[in-house]
Protein backbone atom coordinates (compact mmCIF):
# COMPACT_ATOMS: atom_id res chain seq x y z
CA UNK A 1 -0.04 0.00 -0.01
CA UNK A 2 1.58 3.28 -1.04
CA UNK A 3 1.62 6.35 1.45
CA UNK A 4 -0.89 8.06 -0.60
CA UNK A 5 -3.42 5.07 -0.53
CA UNK A 6 -2.62 4.79 3.00
CA UNK A 7 -3.48 8.40 3.88
CA UNK A 8 -6.68 7.96 1.65
CA UNK A 9 -7.74 4.98 3.60
CA UNK A 10 -7.01 6.75 6.86
CA UNK A 11 -9.39 9.82 6.01
CA UNK A 12 -12.10 7.31 4.69
CA UNK A 13 -11.89 5.45 8.09
CA UNK A 14 -12.06 8.45 10.24
CA UNK A 15 -15.10 9.68 8.24
CA UNK A 16 -16.84 6.30 8.37
CA UNK A 17 -16.24 5.86 12.11
CA UNK A 18 -17.48 9.46 12.75
CA UNK A 19 -20.86 8.85 10.79
CA UNK A 20 -21.42 5.66 12.89
CA UNK A 21 -20.69 7.63 16.04
CA UNK A 22 -18.15 5.30 17.37
CA UNK A 23 -15.18 6.05 19.40
CA UNK A 24 -11.68 4.34 18.35
CA UNK A 25 -12.14 2.01 21.22
CA UNK A 26 -15.61 0.69 20.06
CA UNK A 27 -14.01 0.24 16.55
CA UNK A 28 -11.37 -1.42 18.04
CA UNK A 29 -13.67 -3.88 20.12
CA UNK A 30 -15.56 -4.47 16.69
CA UNK A 31 -12.46 -5.33 14.90
CA UNK A 32 -10.90 -7.53 17.83
CA UNK A 33 -7.76 -5.16 17.96
CA UNK A 34 -6.41 -2.47 20.01
CA UNK A 35 -7.25 1.30 20.32
CA UNK A 36 -3.76 2.11 19.62
CA UNK A 37 -3.89 0.02 16.12
CA UNK A 38 -7.19 2.00 15.17
CA UNK A 39 -5.49 5.14 15.85
CA UNK A 40 -2.51 4.32 13.60
CA UNK A 41 -4.92 3.19 10.97
CA UNK A 42 -6.58 6.64 11.08
CA UNK A 43 -3.02 8.35 10.90
CA UNK A 44 -1.93 6.04 7.55
CA UNK A 45 0.59 4.39 9.72
CA UNK A 46 -0.76 1.02 9.87
CA UNK A 47 -0.13 -1.48 7.12
CA UNK A 48 -3.57 -3.04 6.59
CA UNK A 49 -4.12 -6.47 5.21
CA UNK A 50 -6.67 -7.27 2.47
CA UNK A 51 -8.47 -9.08 5.06
CA UNK A 52 -8.55 -6.27 7.49
CA UNK A 53 -9.90 -3.96 4.66
CA UNK A 54 -12.51 -6.45 4.00
CA UNK A 55 -13.60 -6.41 7.58
CA UNK A 56 -13.60 -2.66 7.78
CA UNK A 57 -15.62 -2.56 4.36
CA UNK A 58 -18.18 -5.03 6.06
CA UNK A 59 -18.58 -3.03 9.14
CA UNK A 60 -19.02 0.21 7.41
CA UNK A 61 -20.92 -1.14 4.49
CA UNK A 62 -18.72 0.81 2.10
CA UNK A 63 -15.49 0.57 -0.01
CA UNK A 64 -12.63 1.48 1.80
CA UNK A 65 -9.88 1.41 -0.83
CA UNK A 66 -11.63 2.60 -3.78
CA UNK A 67 -14.60 5.01 -4.06
CA UNK A 68 -17.59 3.41 -5.84
CA UNK A 69 -18.55 -0.32 -6.29
CA UNK A 70 -16.86 -2.39 -3.86
CA UNK A 71 -14.43 -4.90 -5.34
CA UNK A 72 -14.76 -8.54 -5.43
CA UNK A 73 -12.31 -10.78 -3.66
CA UNK A 74 -10.73 -13.86 -5.32
CA UNK A 75 -8.30 -16.65 -4.36
CA UNK A 76 -5.24 -17.41 -6.25
CA UNK A 77 -3.94 -21.09 -5.69
CA UNK A 78 -0.50 -22.40 -6.44
CA UNK A 79 -1.59 -26.19 -6.59
CA UNK A 80 0.39 -29.54 -6.43
CA UNK A 81 2.01 -28.87 -3.33
CA UNK A 82 2.36 -31.72 -0.60
CA UNK A 83 0.69 -30.53 2.73
CA UNK A 84 1.89 -31.35 6.12
CA UNK A 85 1.65 -30.33 9.80
CA UNK A 86 -1.51 -29.94 11.98
CA UNK A 87 -4.30 -27.45 11.83
CA UNK A 88 -7.21 -27.01 14.46
CA UNK A 89 -10.74 -26.99 13.68
CA UNK A 90 -12.66 -23.84 14.48
CA UNK A 91 -16.00 -23.71 16.39
CA UNK A 92 -19.18 -24.42 14.56
CA UNK A 93 -20.79 -21.88 12.31
CA UNK A 94 -24.13 -23.26 12.41
CA UNK A 95 -24.25 -23.58 16.34
CA UNK A 96 -22.85 -20.14 16.54
CA UNK A 97 -25.73 -18.67 14.63
CA UNK A 98 -28.31 -20.65 16.60
CA UNK A 99 -26.66 -19.49 19.88
CA UNK A 100 -26.74 -15.73 18.55
CA UNK A 101 -30.45 -16.11 18.10
CA UNK A 102 -30.89 -17.86 21.50
CA UNK A 103 -29.24 -15.13 23.16
CA UNK A 104 -32.38 -12.97 22.86
CA UNK A 105 -34.13 -15.42 25.39
CA UNK A 106 -31.61 -14.37 28.08
CA UNK A 107 -32.42 -10.97 29.82
CA UNK A 108 -28.98 -11.10 31.33
CA UNK A 109 -25.54 -11.07 29.49
CA UNK A 110 -24.32 -14.13 27.32
CA UNK A 111 -20.60 -14.03 26.29
CA UNK A 112 -20.00 -16.55 23.39
CA UNK A 113 -16.33 -17.71 23.57
CA UNK A 114 -14.30 -18.56 20.32
CA UNK A 115 -17.09 -17.81 18.01
CA UNK A 116 -16.54 -18.27 14.49
CA UNK A 117 -15.85 -14.78 12.87
CA UNK A 118 -17.44 -15.40 9.44
CA UNK A 119 -19.99 -13.28 7.27
CA UNK A 120 -22.99 -15.47 8.28
CA UNK A 121 -22.22 -14.60 12.05
CA UNK A 122 -21.43 -10.82 11.07
CA UNK A 123 -24.74 -10.52 9.36
CA UNK A 124 -26.93 -12.03 12.25
CA UNK A 125 -24.68 -9.64 14.68
CA UNK A 126 -25.75 -6.57 12.54
CA UNK A 127 -29.41 -7.76 12.53
CA UNK A 128 -29.22 -7.96 16.41
CA UNK A 129 -27.42 -4.61 16.61
CA UNK A 130 -30.04 -2.99 14.59
CA UNK A 131 -32.83 -4.09 16.87
CA UNK A 132 -31.00 -2.88 19.99
CA UNK A 133 -28.80 -5.59 21.22
CA UNK A 134 -25.57 -4.58 22.57
CA UNK A 135 -22.84 -6.72 20.74
CA UNK A 136 -19.54 -6.24 21.86
CA UNK A 137 -16.36 -8.11 20.56
CA UNK A 138 -14.00 -8.50 23.58
CA UNK A 139 -11.43 -9.67 21.33
CA UNK A 140 -11.30 -11.46 17.85
CA UNK A 141 -13.54 -14.30 18.81
CA UNK A 142 -15.22 -13.46 22.00
CA UNK A 143 -18.65 -11.73 21.81
CA UNK A 144 -20.76 -10.17 24.49
CA UNK A 145 -24.53 -9.85 24.04
CA UNK A 146 -27.04 -7.81 26.21
CA UNK A 147 -30.41 -7.39 24.83
CA UNK A 148 -32.68 -4.34 25.73
CA UNK A 149 -35.86 -4.75 27.64
CA UNK A 150 -37.68 -4.20 24.42
CA UNK A 151 -36.31 -5.00 20.88
CA UNK A 152 -36.74 -2.20 18.26
CA UNK A 153 -38.16 -4.45 15.59
CA UNK A 154 -39.01 -1.72 13.36
CA UNK A 155 -35.30 -0.75 13.09
CA UNK A 156 -34.12 -4.10 11.77
CA UNK A 157 -31.35 -4.10 9.13
CA UNK A 158 -33.39 -5.53 6.37
CA UNK A 159 -30.41 -5.76 4.05
CA UNK A 160 -28.37 -7.72 6.30
CA UNK A 161 -31.37 -9.90 7.34
CA UNK A 162 -31.87 -10.74 3.45
CA UNK A 163 -28.39 -11.90 3.11
CA UNK A 164 -28.70 -14.94 5.51
CA UNK A 165 -31.14 -17.75 5.80
CA UNK A 166 -30.51 -17.80 9.59
CA UNK A 167 -32.81 -14.96 10.14
CA UNK A 168 -35.68 -17.19 10.05
CA UNK A 169 -34.48 -18.44 13.48
CA UNK A 170 -35.44 -15.36 15.20
CA UNK A 171 -39.01 -16.59 15.03
CA UNK A 172 -38.73 -19.04 18.04
CA UNK A 173 -36.72 -16.84 20.40
CA UNK A 174 -39.05 -13.73 19.51
CA UNK A 175 -42.18 -15.88 19.77
CA UNK A 176 -44.26 -13.35 21.86
CA UNK A 177 -41.71 -10.29 21.74
CA UNK A 178 -44.26 -8.06 19.90
CA UNK A 179 -47.89 -8.27 19.02
CA UNK A 180 -47.08 -7.93 15.50
CA UNK A 181 -43.97 -7.33 13.58
CA UNK A 182 -42.30 -8.05 10.09
CA UNK A 183 -39.40 -10.30 9.27
CA UNK A 184 -37.63 -10.02 5.97
CA UNK A 185 -37.61 -12.94 3.62
CA UNK A 186 -34.49 -15.24 4.42
CA UNK A 187 -31.57 -15.32 1.90
CA UNK A 188 -28.30 -17.22 1.95
CA UNK A 189 -26.97 -20.09 -0.37
CA UNK A 190 -28.71 -20.79 -3.79
CA UNK A 191 -29.67 -24.24 -3.36
CA UNK A 192 -32.93 -24.41 -4.96
CA UNK A 193 -36.42 -24.23 -3.38
CA UNK A 194 -36.00 -24.57 0.40
CA UNK A 195 -39.48 -24.03 1.99
CA UNK A 196 -39.92 -22.30 5.26
CA UNK A 197 -43.14 -24.27 5.74
CA UNK A 198 -41.76 -26.64 8.17
CA UNK A 199 -40.68 -23.85 10.45
CA UNK A 200 -44.24 -22.56 10.24
CA UNK A 201 -45.87 -25.96 11.07
CA UNK A 202 -43.65 -26.20 14.26
CA UNK A 203 -44.35 -22.49 15.45
CA UNK A 204 -48.03 -22.87 14.75
CA UNK A 205 -47.97 -25.48 17.51
CA UNK A 206 -47.35 -22.49 19.87
CA UNK A 207 -49.97 -20.33 18.33
CA UNK A 208 -47.78 -18.09 16.13
CA UNK A 209 -49.41 -16.66 12.98
CA UNK A 210 -47.25 -15.96 10.11
CA UNK A 211 -48.51 -14.43 6.89
CA UNK A 212 -46.36 -14.01 3.55
CA UNK A 213 -46.49 -10.51 2.15
CA UNK A 214 -44.27 -8.54 -0.40
CA UNK A 215 -40.68 -9.43 0.66
CA UNK A 216 -41.65 -9.81 4.46
CA UNK A 217 -43.30 -12.16 6.84
CA UNK A 218 -45.98 -10.68 8.94
CA UNK A 219 -45.80 -12.05 12.41
CA UNK A 220 -48.51 -12.07 15.02
CA UNK A 221 -47.59 -13.17 18.53
CA UNK A 222 -49.72 -16.14 20.13
CA UNK A 223 -51.94 -15.67 23.16
CA UNK A 224 -50.33 -16.32 26.39
CA UNK A 225 -50.86 -19.68 27.80
CA UNK A 226 -49.41 -22.29 30.17
CA UNK A 227 -50.60 -25.47 28.67
CA UNK A 228 -48.36 -28.65 27.83
CA UNK A 229 -47.91 -29.43 24.19
CA UNK A 230 -46.57 -32.36 22.13
CA UNK A 231 -46.09 -32.54 18.26
CA UNK A 232 -44.03 -34.36 15.41
CA UNK A 233 -42.04 -32.40 12.90
CA UNK A 234 -42.81 -33.45 9.49
CA UNK A 235 -39.24 -32.64 8.48
CA UNK A 236 -36.41 -33.45 10.83
CA UNK A 237 -34.47 -30.31 10.04
CA UNK A 238 -31.76 -28.76 12.03
CA UNK A 239 -32.91 -25.10 12.05
CA UNK A 240 -36.57 -26.30 12.27
CA UNK A 241 -35.99 -28.17 15.49
CA UNK A 242 -33.77 -25.34 16.75
CA UNK A 243 -36.72 -22.92 16.14
CA UNK A 244 -39.09 -25.09 18.08
CA UNK A 245 -36.73 -25.73 20.95
CA UNK A 246 -36.18 -21.81 21.26
CA UNK A 247 -39.86 -21.20 21.19
CA UNK A 248 -40.39 -24.15 23.92
CA UNK A 249 -37.55 -22.82 26.04
CA UNK A 250 -39.42 -19.35 27.24
CA UNK A 251 -42.93 -20.71 27.11
CA UNK A 252 -44.54 -22.00 30.28
CA UNK A 253 -45.48 -25.70 30.60
CA UNK A 254 -43.89 -28.70 28.86
CA UNK A 255 -43.15 -29.45 25.05
CA UNK A 256 -42.53 -32.67 23.54
CA UNK A 257 -41.02 -32.56 20.17
CA UNK A 258 -40.82 -35.98 18.33
CA UNK A 259 -38.84 -36.49 14.98
CA UNK A 260 -36.43 -33.70 16.17
CA UNK A 261 -32.99 -33.35 14.77
CA UNK A 262 -30.35 -34.58 17.22
CA UNK A 263 -27.55 -32.96 15.07
CA UNK A 264 -24.31 -31.19 16.52
CA UNK A 265 -25.89 -27.54 16.37
CA UNK A 266 -28.94 -28.69 18.00
CA UNK A 267 -27.00 -30.32 20.87
CA UNK A 268 -25.06 -27.12 21.30
CA UNK A 269 -28.32 -24.96 21.48
CA UNK A 270 -29.65 -27.47 24.14
CA UNK A 271 -26.26 -27.40 26.30
CA UNK A 272 -26.63 -23.63 26.22
CA UNK A 273 -30.18 -23.59 27.19
CA UNK A 274 -29.54 -26.04 29.95
CA UNK A 275 -27.06 -23.61 31.51
CA UNK A 276 -29.72 -20.99 31.42
CA UNK A 277 -31.77 -23.15 33.71
CA UNK A 278 -34.22 -24.70 30.82
CA UNK A 279 -34.90 -28.32 31.64
CA UNK A 280 -34.35 -30.45 28.41
CA UNK A 281 -34.49 -34.19 28.42
CA UNK A 282 -33.31 -36.56 25.41
CA UNK A 283 -30.53 -34.31 24.11
CA UNK A 284 -28.88 -36.35 21.31
CA UNK A 285 -32.20 -38.13 20.46
CA UNK A 286 -35.09 -37.39 18.19
CA UNK A 287 -37.49 -36.95 21.08
CA UNK A 288 -36.87 -33.78 23.21
CA UNK A 289 -38.79 -32.92 26.36
CA UNK A 290 -38.49 -29.14 27.25
CA UNK A 291 -39.84 -27.40 30.33
CA UNK A 292 -39.56 -23.52 29.58
CA UNK A 293 -38.78 -20.60 31.83
CA UNK A 294 -40.70 -17.65 31.01
CA UNK A 295 -38.38 -15.22 32.74
CA UNK A 296 -34.48 -15.79 32.22
CA UNK A 297 -31.93 -13.42 33.50
CA UNK A 298 -28.49 -14.92 33.59
CA UNK A 299 -24.88 -14.10 33.30
CA UNK A 300 -23.45 -16.93 31.24
CA UNK A 301 -20.35 -17.73 29.02
CA UNK A 302 -20.57 -20.51 26.50
CA UNK A 303 -18.09 -22.23 24.25
CA UNK A 304 -19.77 -23.63 20.91
CA UNK A 305 -18.21 -26.81 19.91
CA UNK A 306 -16.01 -27.60 16.99
CA UNK A 307 -17.51 -27.78 13.40
CA UNK A 308 -17.76 -31.20 11.74
CA UNK A 309 -18.00 -29.77 8.51
CA UNK A 310 -14.85 -27.66 8.66
CA UNK A 311 -13.07 -30.86 10.05
CA UNK A 312 -14.11 -32.67 6.78
CA UNK A 313 -13.03 -29.87 4.84
CA UNK A 314 -9.57 -29.99 6.27
CA UNK A 315 -9.45 -33.67 6.31
CA UNK A 316 -10.46 -33.69 2.40
CA UNK A 317 -7.48 -31.21 1.94
CA UNK A 318 -5.09 -33.80 3.15
CA UNK A 319 -6.69 -36.67 1.09
CA UNK A 320 -6.85 -34.91 -2.27
CA UNK A 321 -3.15 -33.77 -1.97
CA UNK A 322 -2.15 -37.31 -0.90
CA UNK A 323 -0.50 -35.70 2.20
CA UNK A 324 -0.10 -36.53 5.96
CA UNK A 325 -2.03 -33.93 7.70
CA UNK A 326 -3.41 -33.92 11.33
CA UNK A 327 -6.65 -32.28 11.79
CA UNK A 328 -7.04 -31.47 15.71
CA UNK A 329 -10.18 -31.05 17.67
CA UNK A 330 -12.48 -33.24 15.31
CA UNK A 331 -16.14 -33.81 17.00
CA UNK A 332 -15.99 -37.51 16.43
CA UNK A 333 -19.55 -38.08 17.32
CA UNK A 334 -20.69 -36.32 14.04
CA UNK A 335 -17.81 -37.81 11.78
CA UNK A 336 -17.96 -41.51 12.46
CA UNK A 337 -20.01 -42.42 9.28
CA UNK A 338 -17.72 -40.05 7.12
CA UNK A 339 -14.50 -41.74 8.42
CA UNK A 340 -15.93 -45.25 8.04
CA UNK A 341 -16.98 -44.57 4.50
CA UNK A 342 -13.24 -43.19 3.93
CA UNK A 343 -11.90 -46.33 5.16
CA UNK A 344 -14.03 -48.33 2.90
CA UNK A 345 -12.65 -46.46 0.03
CA UNK A 346 -8.95 -47.42 1.15
CA UNK A 347 -8.15 -44.12 2.97
CA UNK A 348 -5.72 -44.83 5.84
CA UNK A 349 -6.30 -42.63 8.79
CA UNK A 350 -4.91 -42.44 12.33
CA UNK A 351 -7.40 -41.44 14.95
CA UNK A 352 -6.27 -40.35 18.45
CA UNK A 353 -7.90 -40.93 21.81
CA UNK A 354 -10.97 -39.04 22.67
CA UNK A 355 -10.99 -35.83 24.90
CA UNK A 356 -13.54 -33.08 25.82
CA UNK A 357 -14.38 -29.76 23.96
CA UNK A 358 -14.48 -26.52 25.87
CA UNK A 359 -18.20 -26.93 26.27
CA UNK A 360 -17.57 -30.24 28.44
CA UNK A 361 -19.91 -32.04 26.38
CA UNK A 362 -18.51 -32.87 22.90
CA UNK A 363 -16.14 -35.54 22.31
CA UNK A 364 -13.18 -34.60 20.21
CA UNK A 365 -10.34 -36.60 18.49
CA UNK A 366 -7.27 -35.79 16.24
CA UNK A 367 -7.34 -37.32 12.62
CA UNK A 368 -4.26 -37.75 10.55
CA UNK A 369 -4.58 -38.53 6.99
CA UNK A 370 -2.01 -40.80 5.30
CA UNK A 371 -1.08 -40.91 1.71
CA UNK A 372 -3.33 -43.69 0.19
CA UNK A 373 -4.62 -45.53 -2.94
CA UNK A 374 -8.23 -44.88 -3.06
CA UNK A 375 -11.07 -47.06 -4.77
CA UNK A 376 -14.60 -46.15 -5.38
CA UNK A 377 -17.10 -47.43 -2.89
CA UNK A 378 -19.28 -50.50 -3.73
CA UNK A 379 -22.53 -48.55 -3.14
CA UNK A 380 -23.62 -45.03 -3.56
CA UNK A 381 -22.66 -42.10 -1.12
CA UNK A 382 -25.64 -40.46 0.16
CA UNK A 383 -26.45 -38.40 3.29
CA UNK A 384 -28.74 -39.09 6.11
CA UNK A 385 -30.09 -37.23 9.22
CA UNK A 386 -27.69 -37.63 12.01
CA UNK A 387 -26.34 -40.02 13.11
CA UNK A 388 -25.96 -40.67 9.14
CA UNK A 389 -23.53 -39.16 6.81
CA UNK A 390 -23.97 -35.23 7.16
CA UNK A 391 -25.72 -33.59 4.43
CA UNK A 392 -23.15 -30.79 4.27
CA UNK A 393 -20.19 -33.25 4.17
CA UNK A 394 -21.55 -34.94 1.10
CA UNK A 395 -19.94 -32.52 -1.43
CA UNK A 396 -16.59 -33.32 -0.29
CA UNK A 397 -16.81 -36.81 -1.30
CA UNK A 398 -17.17 -35.74 -4.88
CA UNK A 399 -13.56 -34.26 -4.73
CA UNK A 400 -12.35 -37.48 -2.75
CA UNK A 401 -14.08 -39.64 -5.32
CA UNK A 402 -12.39 -37.96 -8.08
CA UNK A 403 -9.04 -39.25 -6.76
CA UNK A 404 -10.34 -42.88 -6.47
CA UNK A 405 -10.35 -45.62 -9.19
CA UNK A 406 -13.61 -46.33 -10.35
CA UNK A 407 -17.09 -44.80 -10.64
CA UNK A 408 -18.80 -43.36 -7.63
CA UNK A 409 -22.38 -42.37 -7.38
CA UNK A 410 -23.23 -39.48 -5.17
CA UNK A 411 -27.01 -38.69 -4.35
CA UNK A 412 -27.74 -35.43 -2.94
CA UNK A 413 -31.51 -35.95 -2.35
CA UNK A 414 -31.97 -32.88 -0.16
CA UNK A 415 -31.11 -29.87 -2.43
CA UNK A 416 -32.15 -29.35 -6.09
CA UNK A 417 -29.23 -27.62 -7.24
CA UNK A 418 -26.11 -28.55 -5.48
CA UNK A 419 -25.14 -31.49 -7.43
CA UNK A 420 -25.27 -29.36 -10.62
CA UNK A 421 -22.76 -26.97 -8.98
CA UNK A 422 -20.46 -29.90 -8.38
CA UNK A 423 -19.94 -30.28 -12.21
CA UNK A 424 -17.77 -27.21 -11.97
CA UNK A 425 -15.14 -29.75 -10.81
CA UNK A 426 -14.81 -30.65 -14.59
CA UNK A 427 -13.14 -27.32 -15.10
CA UNK A 428 -10.28 -28.72 -13.01
CA UNK A 429 -10.12 -31.90 -14.91
CA UNK A 430 -12.53 -34.10 -12.97
CA UNK A 431 -15.16 -36.41 -14.79
CA UNK A 432 -18.43 -35.52 -13.09
CA UNK A 433 -21.38 -36.65 -14.95
CA UNK A 434 -24.84 -35.23 -13.93
CA UNK A 435 -27.61 -37.72 -14.01
CA UNK A 436 -30.24 -35.57 -12.70
CA UNK A 437 -30.55 -32.54 -10.19
CA UNK A 438 -29.91 -34.68 -7.47
CA UNK A 439 -27.47 -37.46 -8.61
CA UNK A 440 -23.81 -37.39 -10.14
CA UNK A 441 -21.33 -39.92 -11.46
CA UNK A 442 -17.70 -39.33 -10.48
CA UNK A 443 -15.00 -41.34 -12.50
CA UNK A 444 -11.43 -41.31 -11.36
CA UNK A 445 -8.71 -41.26 -10.74
CA UNK A 446 -8.40 -37.54 -12.02
CA UNK A 447 -5.37 -35.68 -13.42
CA UNK A 448 -6.09 -32.39 -11.84
CA UNK A 449 -5.28 -29.21 -13.89
CA UNK A 450 -5.10 -25.57 -13.04
CA UNK A 451 -8.19 -23.23 -14.20
CA UNK A 452 -9.77 -20.15 -13.45
CA UNK A 453 -13.30 -20.74 -12.18
CA UNK A 454 -15.97 -18.62 -10.73
CA UNK A 455 -17.28 -19.34 -7.25
CA UNK A 456 -20.71 -20.98 -7.48
CA UNK A 457 -23.38 -19.61 -5.25
CA UNK A 458 -23.41 -22.45 -2.70
CA UNK A 459 -20.94 -22.74 0.04
CA UNK A 460 -19.93 -26.37 0.05
CA UNK A 461 -19.50 -26.64 -3.80
CA UNK A 462 -17.42 -23.60 -3.58
CA UNK A 463 -15.01 -24.97 -0.86
CA UNK A 464 -14.86 -28.32 -2.96
CA UNK A 465 -13.40 -26.16 -5.92
CA UNK A 466 -10.76 -24.67 -3.68
CA UNK A 467 -9.83 -28.08 -2.30
CA UNK A 468 -9.61 -29.44 -5.78
CA UNK A 469 -7.16 -26.43 -6.64
CA UNK A 470 -5.05 -27.53 -3.93
CA UNK A 471 -4.46 -30.81 -5.97
CA UNK A 472 -4.11 -29.15 -9.53
CA UNK A 473 -0.47 -28.44 -10.48
CA UNK A 474 -0.28 -24.73 -11.68
CA UNK A 475 -1.93 -21.56 -10.75
CA UNK A 476 -5.54 -21.48 -10.53
CA UNK A 477 -7.95 -18.73 -9.55
CA UNK A 478 -11.32 -18.92 -7.70
CA UNK A 479 -13.10 -15.80 -8.40
CA UNK A 480 -15.67 -13.89 -6.08
CA UNK A 481 -15.30 -16.11 -2.84
CA UNK A 482 -17.83 -14.15 -0.66
CA UNK A 483 -19.99 -17.39 -0.21
CA UNK A 484 -16.88 -19.18 0.98
CA UNK A 485 -16.50 -16.26 3.57
CA UNK A 486 -20.00 -16.77 4.80
CA UNK A 487 -19.06 -20.19 6.08
CA UNK A 488 -15.32 -20.31 6.89
CA UNK A 489 -13.02 -18.25 9.06
CA UNK A 490 -9.97 -17.46 7.28
CA UNK A 491 -9.82 -20.71 5.42
CA UNK A 492 -7.10 -19.87 2.96
CA UNK A 493 -4.77 -18.60 5.78
CA UNK A 494 -5.26 -21.92 7.64
CA UNK A 495 -4.47 -24.10 4.68
CA UNK A 496 -1.42 -21.92 4.25
CA UNK A 497 -0.23 -23.06 7.85
CA UNK A 498 -0.02 -26.64 6.64
CA UNK A 499 1.85 -25.86 3.40
CA UNK A 500 -0.69 -24.64 0.80
CA UNK A 501 -0.10 -21.56 -1.22
CA UNK A 502 -3.40 -19.48 -1.44
CA UNK A 503 -3.55 -15.75 -1.57
CA UNK A 504 -6.30 -13.21 -1.76
CA UNK A 505 -6.43 -10.58 -4.48
CA UNK A 506 -8.67 -8.22 -6.22
CA UNK A 507 -9.05 -6.94 -9.77
């Protein structure tokens, strides 16, 4: 960065902070840095990384370096390198988002420790801040949340809300927050038609009324009651289950939810609510019995557990580069089917003894990949609700199967479009044949080649392209990586710690 550019950035930063009415200390807390570092930035004396500039642009919703339209960020990958070393799994994005929403149930203070600092989290924090929640980053990963007595729902940041599907999960914790309010339609990944009707069916059990209008849901609070209720979810969805749990947690009486998801993010939410004094029986099973507490005012800190999807991403990096890599802090309960499937394909893995996550409940192991000769599995690979192979881990098997001898069928029955996005691997030399919107054949082994590829609008297929680029000799470019930033915290930098060569750039 030239001195002229540094001075320009400093001036824009001072103006943006002043417009927001923040002190240097407030901006430092938001960035997870020191006040003196912010002072140096505003004097043009601090060297800013591209990631820091991106973070500033996200906070102030404006271009910092160039006046006008914000630039897209891309990744340049020098592939064909052997990886080595160890890397830790970060906390769960999906659990973190649910816990942010659940913090509204607590009238006291919630501190979420080691929260994944990703775009999906940033969007929900922006929404919470806009309705009056005091959100303070104590450092780069610890977030303190204090809600007001009354949320200002009219002031909700609509733009931030529309950029995430997770906003639908505010319905449960805000069940009777206001007699009537509006919630923007949910956004997020483009994965085809994903109806919100299962959410509505679950919340109608509590008397909530939701009407779809132009671009918004009009929500009417249910009348007060203290009755017990029991119902069956017609879809064992993770976010649907979480919404129902959060609604039950602050309603009097006992709620029994059948066909509930017992997945990792649901368990984390239950552990948090139990610490708030909510009685929940059956955690980890498909039947939950919840005795709610209408008034919760607690001082609490909670550590979200590690992310099995990120764990699979990092394990895949070791496999596709035929490298010995140790992935630490893998939540084994939610990875057992994936590791067993890899074993059937001939992948050699070393798994350590178990130890506890920081939440004191989730079991962790370290997994080391070994160079292996892979073969296609005899049966198709398909996801199932927990304890089956995780729906979000399925796409990584497309990259892995491309390294295996033979033909693998992958059946992604959940999403209409995601299998289509996996055909983008063909640009890097793979042989992926689309059978229909849900099924692909992957023929291997693949002689990966470098290429320039645009990021698909779906998180896991986008990550798969990045992982394939690690195996492709030469220099590849993955363009417009916003969708990856939504779901991973500093993925490129962390891959670099184990020998990858990935760099951010803008046009």
